[in-house]
Amino acid sequence: MRRLDRRGRITFIDVATGSDPSCPVDRAQLLARFHAEENGIIHDGAAAFAALWRAIPLLRPLGLAARNGTVLRLLEGAYVRFLRFRPRLQRLFT
């Protein structure tokens, strides 16, 4: 995602190495699911990915499509299924 953010619109923060004490979200929650802030609103899960996509011109159409409740629910279902396999994938790539 960082490579796609050619305009530098996104600030990426690695919460695995520590977190900002002013952050309103618990560190355990941050590590469990993807989070993003857009216009002062903190999103998590598929909604956070959609917010990220809206900031990247190439992916913006996907982010805009996710504003539709049905599309967002489908993406969230896929994200929840992915979370079950994430630990195994992390072990494979570390």
PDB file of N, CA and C in Angstrom:
ATOM      1  N   MET A   1       0.825  -1.194   0.000  1.00  0.00           N
ATOM      2  CA  MET A   1       0.000   0.000   0.000  1.00  0.00           C
ATOM      3  C   MET A   1       0.866   1.254   0.000  1.00  0.00           C
ATOM      4  N   ARG A   2       1.988   1.177   0.699  1.00  0.00           N
ATOM      5  CA  ARG A   2       2.863   2.356   0.750  1.00  0.00           C
ATOM      6  C   ARG A   2       3.346   2.738  -0.641  1.00  0.00           C
ATOM      7  N   ARG A   3       3.658   1.732  -1.452  1.00  0.00           N
ATOM      8  CA  ARG A   3       4.124   2.028  -2.816  1.00  0.00           C
ATOM      9  C   ARG A   3       3.026   2.658  -3.658  1.00  0.00           C
ATOM     10  N   LEU A   4       1.791   2.299  -3.415  1.00  0.00           N
ATOM     11  CA  LEU A   4       0.687   2.863  -4.186  1.00  0.00           C
ATOM     12  C   LEU A   4       0.333   4.285  -3.752  1.00  0.00           C
ATOM     13  N   ASP A   5       0.730   4.655  -2.548  1.00  0.00           N
ATOM     14  CA  ASP A   5       0.445   5.992  -2.016  1.00  0.00           C
ATOM     15  C   ASP A   5       1.508   6.983  -2.503  1.00  0.00           C
ATOM     16  N   ARG A   6       1.546   7.213  -3.785  1.00  0.00           N
ATOM     17  CA  ARG A   6       2.564   8.073  -4.398  1.00  0.00           C
ATOM     18  C   ARG A   6       2.424   9.531  -4.003  1.00  0.00           C
ATOM     19  N   ARG A   7       1.252   9.929  -3.603  1.00  0.00           N
ATOM     20  CA  ARG A   7       1.018  11.327  -3.218  1.00  0.00           C
ATOM     21  C   ARG A   7       1.263  11.568  -1.728  1.00  0.00           C
ATOM     22  N   GLY A   8       1.590  10.526  -0.992  1.00  0.00           N
ATOM     23  CA  GLY A   8       1.890  10.664   0.432  1.00  0.00           C
ATOM     24  C   GLY A   8       0.711  11.107   1.273  1.00  0.00           C
ATOM     25  N   ARG A   9      -0.471  10.629   0.939  1.00  0.00           N
ATOM     26  CA  ARG A   9      -1.685  11.015   1.672  1.00  0.00           C
ATOM     27  C   ARG A   9      -1.900  10.216   2.945  1.00  0.00           C
ATOM     28  N   ILE A  10      -1.174   9.113   3.096  1.00  0.00           N
ATOM     29  CA  ILE A  10      -1.425   8.208   4.211  1.00  0.00           C
ATOM     30  C   ILE A  10      -0.229   8.221   5.157  1.00  0.00           C
ATOM     31  N   THR A  11      -0.513   8.304   6.447  1.00  0.00           N
ATOM     32  CA  THR A  11       0.520   8.175   7.466  1.00  0.00           C
ATOM     33  C   THR A  11       0.378   6.781   8.057  1.00  0.00           C
ATOM     34  N   PHE A  12       1.374   5.951   7.856  1.00  0.00           N
ATOM     35  CA  PHE A  12       1.344   4.595   8.376  1.00  0.00           C
ATOM     36  C   PHE A  12       2.020   4.582   9.741  1.00  0.00           C
ATOM     37  N   ILE A  13       1.395   3.914  10.708  1.00  0.00           N
ATOM     38  CA  ILE A  13       1.935   3.816  12.059  1.00  0.00           C
ATOM     39  C   ILE A  13       2.014   2.345  12.437  1.00  0.00           C
ATOM     40  N   ASP A  14       3.193   1.893  12.807  1.00  0.00           N
ATOM     41  CA  ASP A  14       3.395   0.511  13.228  1.00  0.00           C
ATOM     42  C   ASP A  14       3.096   0.406  14.716  1.00  0.00           C
ATOM     43  N   VAL A  15       1.953  -0.146  15.068  1.00  0.00           N
ATOM     44  CA  VAL A  15       1.571  -0.243  16.480  1.00  0.00           C
ATOM     45  C   VAL A  15       2.211  -1.442  17.161  1.00  0.00           C
ATOM     46  N   ALA A  16       2.849  -2.310  16.393  1.00  0.00           N
ATOM     47  CA  ALA A  16       3.520  -3.468  16.982  1.00  0.00           C
ATOM     48  C   ALA A  16       4.731  -3.034  17.801  1.00  0.00           C
ATOM     49  N   THR A  17       5.333  -1.909  17.445  1.00  0.00           N
ATOM     50  CA  THR A  17       6.528  -1.441  18.149  1.00  0.00           C
ATOM     51  C   THR A  17       6.202  -0.450  19.259  1.00  0.00           C
ATOM     52  N   GLY A  18       4.954  -0.132  19.429  1.00  0.00           N
ATOM     53  CA  GLY A  18       4.523   0.826  20.453  1.00  0.00           C
ATOM     54  C   GLY A  18       3.354   1.615  19.914  1.00  0.00           C
ATOM     55  N   SER A  19       2.675   2.309  20.762  1.00  0.00           N
ATOM     56  CA  SER A  19       1.541   3.090  20.289  1.00  0.00           C
ATOM     57  C   SER A  19       1.538   4.460  20.936  1.00  0.00           C
ATOM     58  N   ASP A  20       0.824   5.347  20.334  1.00  0.00           N
ATOM     59  CA  ASP A  20       0.690   6.716  20.808  1.00  0.00           C
ATOM     60  C   ASP A  20      -0.274   6.726  21.998  1.00  0.00           C
ATOM     61  N   PRO A  21       0.153   7.219  23.147  1.00  0.00           N
ATOM     62  CA  PRO A  21      -0.741   7.224  24.315  1.00  0.00           C
ATOM     63  C   PRO A  21      -2.010   8.058  24.104  1.00  0.00           C
ATOM     64  N   SER A  22      -2.006   8.957  23.141  1.00  0.00           N
ATOM     65  CA  SER A  22      -3.195   9.767  22.885  1.00  0.00           C
ATOM     66  C   SER A  22      -4.203   9.048  21.981  1.00  0.00           C
ATOM     67  N   CYS A  23      -3.839   7.871  21.476  1.00  0.00           N
ATOM     68  CA  CYS A  23      -4.737   7.106  20.597  1.00  0.00           C
ATOM     69  C   CYS A  23      -5.917   6.585  21.405  1.00  0.00           C
ATOM     70  N   PRO A  24      -7.140   6.786  20.922  1.00  0.00           N
ATOM     71  CA  PRO A  24      -8.319   6.358  21.681  1.00  0.00           C
ATOM     72  C   PRO A  24      -8.619   4.862  21.594  1.00  0.00           C
ATOM     73  N   VAL A  25      -7.844   4.124  20.797  1.00  0.00           N
ATOM     74  CA  VAL A  25      -8.090   2.693  20.624  1.00  0.00           C
ATOM     75  C   VAL A  25      -7.026   1.907  21.376  1.00  0.00           C
ATOM     76  N   ASP A  26      -7.451   0.882  22.105  1.00  0.00           N
ATOM     77  CA  ASP A  26      -6.555   0.021  22.866  1.00  0.00           C
ATOM     78  C   ASP A  26      -5.569  -0.680  21.927  1.00  0.00           C
ATOM     79  N   ARG A  27      -4.322  -0.821  22.361  1.00  0.00           N
ATOM     80  CA  ARG A  27      -3.274  -1.429  21.532  1.00  0.00           C
ATOM     81  C   ARG A  27      -3.655  -2.844  21.102  1.00  0.00           C
ATOM     82  N   ALA A  28      -4.259  -3.633  21.980  1.00  0.00           N
ATOM     83  CA  ALA A  28      -4.672  -5.001  21.631  1.00  0.00           C
ATOM     84  C   ALA A  28      -5.676  -4.986  20.483  1.00  0.00           C
ATOM     85  N   GLN A  29      -6.599  -4.034  20.523  1.00  0.00           N
ATOM     86  CA  GLN A  29      -7.567  -3.907  19.429  1.00  0.00           C
ATOM     87  C   GLN A  29      -6.867  -3.512  18.138  1.00  0.00           C
ATOM     88  N   LEU A  30      -5.901  -2.606  18.243  1.00  0.00           N
ATOM     89  CA  LEU A  30      -5.159  -2.172  17.058  1.00  0.00           C
ATOM     90  C   LEU A  30      -4.410  -3.333  16.412  1.00  0.00           C
ATOM     91  N   LEU A  31      -3.870  -4.221  17.238  1.00  0.00           N
ATOM     92  CA  LEU A  31      -3.132  -5.362  16.716  1.00  0.00           C
ATOM     93  C   LEU A  31      -4.054  -6.458  16.167  1.00  0.00           C
ATOM     94  N   ALA A  32      -5.272  -6.520  16.666  1.00  0.00           N
ATOM     95  CA  ALA A  32      -6.200  -7.577  16.252  1.00  0.00           C
ATOM     96  C   ALA A  32      -6.841  -7.306  14.893  1.00  0.00           C
ATOM     97  N   ARG A  33      -7.093  -6.029  14.589  1.00  0.00           N
ATOM     98  CA  ARG A  33      -7.775  -5.673  13.351  1.00  0.00           C
ATOM     99  C   ARG A  33      -7.118  -4.427  12.762  1.00  0.00           C
ATOM    100  N   PHE A  34      -7.242  -4.287  11.461  1.00  0.00           N
ATOM    101  CA  PHE A  34      -6.700  -3.123  10.773  1.00  0.00           C
ATOM    102  C   PHE A  34      -7.556  -1.903  11.110  1.00  0.00           C
ATOM    103  N   HIS A  35      -6.901  -0.774  11.389  1.00  0.00           N
ATOM    104  CA  HIS A  35      -7.592   0.475  11.716  1.00  0.00           C
ATOM    105  C   HIS A  35      -7.090   1.596  10.824  1.00  0.00           C
ATOM    106  N   ALA A  36      -7.964   2.530  10.531  1.00  0.00           N
ATOM    107  CA  ALA A  36      -7.597   3.721   9.761  1.00  0.00           C
ATOM    108  C   ALA A  36      -8.479   4.876  10.209  1.00  0.00           C
ATOM    109  N   GLU A  37      -7.902   6.060  10.182  1.00  0.00           N
ATOM    110  CA  GLU A  37      -8.663   7.267  10.504  1.00  0.00           C
ATOM    111  C   GLU A  37      -8.887   8.044   9.211  1.00  0.00           C
ATOM    112  N   GLU A  38     -10.125   8.442   9.008  1.00  0.00           N
ATOM    113  CA  GLU A  38     -10.493   9.219   7.825  1.00  0.00           C
ATOM    114  C   GLU A  38     -11.415  10.349   8.269  1.00  0.00           C
ATOM    115  N   ASN A  39     -11.000  11.569   8.044  1.00  0.00           N
ATOM    116  CA  ASN A  39     -11.807  12.736   8.417  1.00  0.00           C
ATOM    117  C   ASN A  39     -12.220  12.714   9.890  1.00  0.00           C
ATOM    118  N   GLY A  40     -11.295  12.302  10.762  1.00  0.00           N
ATOM    119  CA  GLY A  40     -11.562  12.290  12.191  1.00  0.00           C
ATOM    120  C   GLY A  40     -12.347  11.090  12.691  1.00  0.00           C
ATOM    121  N   ILE A  41     -12.708  10.172  11.802  1.00  0.00           N
ATOM    122  CA  ILE A  41     -13.458   8.969  12.177  1.00  0.00           C
ATOM    123  C   ILE A  41     -12.529   7.769  12.098  1.00  0.00           C
ATOM    124  N   ILE A  42     -12.494   6.960  13.164  1.00  0.00           N
ATOM    125  CA  ILE A  42     -11.660   5.759  13.167  1.00  0.00           C
ATOM    126  C   ILE A  42     -12.489   4.589  12.669  1.00  0.00           C
ATOM    127  N   HIS A  43     -12.003   3.954  11.616  1.00  0.00           N
ATOM    128  CA  HIS A  43     -12.650   2.778  11.029  1.00  0.00           C
ATOM    129  C   HIS A  43     -11.817   1.553  11.375  1.00  0.00           C
ATOM    130  N   ASP A  44     -12.455   0.384  11.384  1.00  0.00           N
ATOM    131  CA  ASP A  44     -11.697  -0.846  11.545  1.00  0.00           C
ATOM    132  C   ASP A  44     -12.193  -1.874  10.547  1.00  0.00           C
ATOM    133  N   GLY A  45     -11.381  -2.923  10.357  1.00  0.00           N
ATOM    134  CA  GLY A  45     -11.747  -3.996   9.451  1.00  0.00           C
ATOM    135  C   GLY A  45     -11.856  -3.536   8.005  1.00  0.00           C
ATOM    136  N   ALA A  46     -12.859  -4.041   7.319  1.00  0.00           N
ATOM    137  CA  ALA A  46     -13.047  -3.724   5.902  1.00  0.00           C
ATOM    138  C   ALA A  46     -13.289  -2.236   5.686  1.00  0.00           C
ATOM    139  N   ALA A  47     -13.957  -1.589   6.614  1.00  0.00           N
ATOM    140  CA  ALA A  47     -14.202  -0.146   6.483  1.00  0.00           C
ATOM    141  C   ALA A  47     -12.885   0.632   6.517  1.00  0.00           C
ATOM    142  N   ALA A  48     -11.914   0.144   7.288  1.00  0.00           N
ATOM    143  CA  ALA A  48     -10.599   0.795   7.336  1.00  0.00           C
ATOM    144  C   ALA A  48      -9.868   0.607   6.012  1.00  0.00           C
ATOM    145  N   PHE A  49      -9.955  -0.592   5.434  1.00  0.00           N
ATOM    146  CA  PHE A  49      -9.345  -0.801   4.127  1.00  0.00           C
ATOM    147  C   PHE A  49     -10.005   0.091   3.084  1.00  0.00           C
ATOM    148  N   ALA A  50     -11.323   0.216   3.147  1.00  0.00           N
ATOM    149  CA  ALA A  50     -12.037   1.076   2.193  1.00  0.00           C
ATOM    150  C   ALA A  50     -11.575   2.527   2.324  1.00  0.00           C
ATOM    151  N   ALA A  51     -11.373   2.987   3.556  1.00  0.00           N
ATOM    152  CA  ALA A  51     -10.872   4.353   3.770  1.00  0.00           C
ATOM    153  C   ALA A  51      -9.482   4.501   3.166  1.00  0.00           C
ATOM    154  N   LEU A  52      -8.642   3.504   3.356  1.00  0.00           N
ATOM    155  CA  LEU A  52      -7.306   3.509   2.773  1.00  0.00           C
ATOM    156  C   LEU A  52      -7.387   3.550   1.251  1.00  0.00           C
ATOM    157  N   TRP A  53      -8.237   2.721   0.694  1.00  0.00           N
ATOM    158  CA  TRP A  53      -8.390   2.679  -0.764  1.00  0.00           C
ATOM    159  C   TRP A  53      -8.849   4.017  -1.319  1.00  0.00           C
ATOM    160  N   ARG A  54      -9.740   4.713  -0.596  1.00  0.00           N
ATOM    161  CA  ARG A  54     -10.226   6.005  -1.084  1.00  0.00           C
ATOM    162  C   ARG A  54      -9.106   7.042  -1.176  1.00  0.00           C
ATOM    163  N   ALA A  55      -8.044   6.871  -0.409  1.00  0.00           N
ATOM    164  CA  ALA A  55      -6.922   7.812  -0.422  1.00  0.00           C
ATOM    165  C   ALA A  55      -5.920   7.516  -1.537  1.00  0.00           C
ATOM    166  N   ILE A  56      -6.024   6.341  -2.156  1.00  0.00           N
ATOM    167  CA  ILE A  56      -5.095   5.938  -3.212  1.00  0.00           C
ATOM    168  C   ILE A  56      -5.843   5.985  -4.544  1.00  0.00           C
ATOM    169  N   PRO A  57      -5.450   6.884  -5.447  1.00  0.00           N
ATOM    170  CA  PRO A  57      -6.202   7.061  -6.700  1.00  0.00           C
ATOM    171  C   PRO A  57      -6.499   5.766  -7.453  1.00  0.00           C
ATOM    172  N   LEU A  58      -5.534   4.869  -7.541  1.00  0.00           N
ATOM    173  CA  LEU A  58      -5.737   3.622  -8.276  1.00  0.00           C
ATOM    174  C   LEU A  58      -6.837   2.758  -7.653  1.00  0.00           C
ATOM    175  N   LEU A  59      -6.959   2.796  -6.321  1.00  0.00           N
ATOM    176  CA  LEU A  59      -7.924   1.962  -5.598  1.00  0.00           C
ATOM    177  C   LEU A  59      -9.190   2.706  -5.196  1.00  0.00           C
ATOM    178  N   ARG A  60      -9.239   3.993  -5.477  1.00  0.00           N
ATOM    179  CA  ARG A  60     -10.384   4.812  -5.060  1.00  0.00           C
ATOM    180  C   ARG A  60     -11.741   4.236  -5.472  1.00  0.00           C
ATOM    181  N   PRO A  61     -11.886   3.706  -6.696  1.00  0.00           N
ATOM    182  CA  PRO A  61     -13.204   3.131  -7.052  1.00  0.00           C
ATOM    183  C   PRO A  61     -13.648   2.012  -6.110  1.00  0.00           C
ATOM    184  N   LEU A  62     -12.710   1.186  -5.643  1.00  0.00           N
ATOM    185  CA  LEU A  62     -13.067   0.133  -4.676  1.00  0.00           C
ATOM    186  C   LEU A  62     -13.523   0.740  -3.357  1.00  0.00           C
ATOM    187  N   GLY A  63     -12.816   1.766  -2.914  1.00  0.00           N
ATOM    188  CA  GLY A  63     -13.186   2.438  -1.671  1.00  0.00           C
ATOM    189  C   GLY A  63     -14.542   3.094  -1.746  1.00  0.00           C
ATOM    190  N   LEU A  64     -14.838   3.689  -2.898  1.00  0.00           N
ATOM    191  CA  LEU A  64     -16.148   4.321  -3.075  1.00  0.00           C
ATOM    192  C   LEU A  64     -17.255   3.270  -3.136  1.00  0.00           C
ATOM    193  N   ALA A  65     -16.973   2.139  -3.788  1.00  0.00           N
ATOM    194  CA  ALA A  65     -17.969   1.061  -3.862  1.00  0.00           C
ATOM    195  C   ALA A  65     -18.286   0.529  -2.467  1.00  0.00           C
ATOM    196  N   ALA A  66     -17.281   0.546  -1.580  1.00  0.00           N
ATOM    197  CA  ALA A  66     -17.470   0.026  -0.221  1.00  0.00           C
ATOM    198  C   ALA A  66     -18.339   0.941   0.634  1.00  0.00           C
ATOM    199  N   ARG A  67     -18.677   2.109   0.147  1.00  0.00           N
ATOM    200  CA  ARG A  67     -19.622   2.958   0.878  1.00  0.00           C
ATOM    201  C   ARG A  67     -21.026   2.381   0.828  1.00  0.00           C
ATOM    202  N   ASN A  68     -21.253   1.486  -0.112  1.00  0.00           N
ATOM    203  CA  ASN A  68     -22.519   0.771  -0.204  1.00  0.00           C
ATOM    204  C   ASN A  68     -22.535  -0.277   0.914  1.00  0.00           C
ATOM    205  N   GLY A  69     -23.585  -0.287   1.714  1.00  0.00           N
ATOM    206  CA  GLY A  69     -23.667  -1.187   2.858  1.00  0.00           C
ATOM    207  C   GLY A  69     -23.517  -2.648   2.508  1.00  0.00           C
ATOM    208  N   THR A  70     -24.116  -3.070   1.407  1.00  0.00           N
ATOM    209  CA  THR A  70     -24.032  -4.476   0.999  1.00  0.00           C
ATOM    210  C   THR A  70     -22.603  -4.839   0.632  1.00  0.00           C
ATOM    211  N   VAL A  71     -21.949  -3.984  -0.128  1.00  0.00           N
ATOM    212  CA  VAL A  71     -20.562  -4.231  -0.521  1.00  0.00           C
ATOM    213  C   VAL A  71     -19.676  -4.284   0.719  1.00  0.00           C
ATOM    214  N   LEU A  72     -19.872  -3.356   1.647  1.00  0.00           N
ATOM    215  CA  LEU A  72     -19.057  -3.323   2.861  1.00  0.00           C
ATOM    216  C   LEU A  72     -19.273  -4.580   3.698  1.00  0.00           C
ATOM    217  N   ARG A  73     -20.503  -5.064   3.796  1.00  0.00           N
ATOM    218  CA  ARG A  73     -20.774  -6.296   4.552  1.00  0.00           C
ATOM    219  C   ARG A  73     -20.059  -7.493   3.914  1.00  0.00           C
ATOM    220  N   LEU A  74     -20.056  -7.561   2.582  1.00  0.00           N
ATOM    221  CA  LEU A  74     -19.356  -8.652   1.893  1.00  0.00           C
ATOM    222  C   LEU A  74     -17.845  -8.573   2.146  1.00  0.00           C
ATOM    223  N   LEU A  75     -17.303  -7.374   2.065  1.00  0.00           N
ATOM    224  CA  LEU A  75     -15.878  -7.193   2.331  1.00  0.00           C
ATOM    225  C   LEU A  75     -15.531  -7.529   3.776  1.00  0.00           C
ATOM    226  N   GLU A  76     -16.393  -7.147   4.705  1.00  0.00           N
ATOM    227  CA  GLU A  76     -16.159  -7.445   6.119  1.00  0.00           C
ATOM    228  C   GLU A  76     -16.176  -8.950   6.354  1.00  0.00           C
ATOM    229  N   GLY A  77     -17.107  -9.654   5.713  1.00  0.00           N
ATOM    230  CA  GLY A  77     -17.151 -11.117   5.833  1.00  0.00           C
ATOM    231  C   GLY A  77     -15.866 -11.754   5.324  1.00  0.00           C
ATOM    232  N   ALA A  78     -15.361 -11.262   4.199  1.00  0.00           N
ATOM    233  CA  ALA A  78     -14.097 -11.774   3.655  1.00  0.00           C
ATOM    234  C   ALA A  78     -12.941 -11.452   4.599  1.00  0.00           C
ATOM    235  N   TYR A  79     -12.958 -10.253   5.196  1.00  0.00           N
ATOM    236  CA  TYR A  79     -11.897  -9.848   6.118  1.00  0.00           C
ATOM    237  C   TYR A  79     -11.899 -10.735   7.363  1.00  0.00           C
ATOM    238  N   VAL A  80     -13.058 -11.018   7.905  1.00  0.00           N
ATOM    239  CA  VAL A  80     -13.165 -11.871   9.097  1.00  0.00           C
ATOM    240  C   VAL A  80     -12.633 -13.272   8.781  1.00  0.00           C
ATOM    241  N   ARG A  81     -12.954 -13.798   7.612  1.00  0.00           N
ATOM    242  CA  ARG A  81     -12.428 -15.109   7.216  1.00  0.00           C
ATOM    243  C   ARG A  81     -10.911 -15.062   7.075  1.00  0.00           C
ATOM    244  N   PHE A  82     -10.391 -13.967   6.492  1.00  0.00           N
ATOM    245  CA  PHE A  82      -8.947 -13.810   6.353  1.00  0.00           C
ATOM    246  C   PHE A  82      -8.262 -13.799   7.718  1.00  0.00           C
ATOM    247  N   LEU A  83      -8.885 -13.152   8.713  1.00  0.00           N
ATOM    248  CA  LEU A  83      -8.277 -13.063  10.038  1.00  0.00           C
ATOM    249  C   LEU A  83      -8.026 -14.434  10.666  1.00  0.00           C
ATOM    250  N   ARG A  84      -8.849 -15.412  10.298  1.00  0.00           N
ATOM    251  CA  ARG A  84      -8.650 -16.769  10.825  1.00  0.00           C
ATOM    252  C   ARG A  84      -7.340 -17.373  10.313  1.00  0.00           C
ATOM    253  N   PHE A  85      -6.950 -17.014   9.082  1.00  0.00           N
ATOM    254  CA  PHE A  85      -5.752 -17.581   8.469  1.00  0.00           C
ATOM    255  C   PHE A  85      -4.513 -16.707   8.647  1.00  0.00           C
ATOM    256  N   ARG A  86      -4.702 -15.487   9.101  1.00  0.00           N
ATOM    257  CA  ARG A  86      -3.588 -14.552   9.222  1.00  0.00           C
ATOM    258  C   ARG A  86      -2.437 -15.082  10.071  1.00  0.00           C
ATOM    259  N   PRO A  87      -2.686 -15.682  11.239  1.00  0.00           N
ATOM    260  CA  PRO A  87      -1.551 -16.182  12.032  1.00  0.00           C
ATOM    261  C   PRO A  87      -0.692 -17.200  11.264  1.00  0.00           C
ATOM    262  N   ARG A  88      -1.336 -18.085  10.524  1.00  0.00           N
ATOM    263  CA  ARG A  88      -0.585 -19.073   9.745  1.00  0.00           C
ATOM    264  C   ARG A  88       0.230 -18.396   8.650  1.00  0.00           C
ATOM    265  N   LEU A  89      -0.366 -17.406   7.994  1.00  0.00           N
ATOM    266  CA  LEU A  89       0.363 -16.685   6.948  1.00  0.00           C
ATOM    267  C   LEU A  89       1.552 -15.934   7.519  1.00  0.00           C
ATOM    268  N   GLN A  90       1.378 -15.336   8.680  1.00  0.00           N
ATOM    269  CA  GLN A  90       2.476 -14.626   9.319  1.00  0.00           C
ATOM    270  C   GLN A  90       3.628 -15.561   9.660  1.00  0.00           C
ATOM    271  N   ARG A  91       3.295 -16.763  10.134  1.00  0.00           N
ATOM    272  CA  ARG A  91       4.356 -17.721  10.445  1.00  0.00           C
ATOM    273  C   ARG A  91       5.098 -18.151   9.184  1.00  0.00           C
ATOM    274  N   LEU A  92       4.388 -18.290   8.077  1.00  0.00           N
ATOM    275  CA  LEU A  92       5.019 -18.689   6.822  1.00  0.00           C
ATOM    276  C   LEU A  92       5.998 -17.644   6.306  1.00  0.00           C
ATOM    277  N   PHE A  93       5.679 -16.364   6.510  1.00  0.00           N
ATOM    278  CA  PHE A  93       6.478 -15.289   5.933  1.00  0.00           C
ATOM    279  C   PHE A  93       7.434 -14.627   6.906  1.00  0.00           C
ATOM    280  N   THR A  94       7.570 -15.199   8.116  1.00  0.00           N
ATOM    281  CA  THR A  94       8.535 -14.602   9.057  1.00  0.00           C
ATOM    282  C   THR A  94       9.640 -15.577   9.369  1.00  0.00           C
TER     283      THR A  94
END
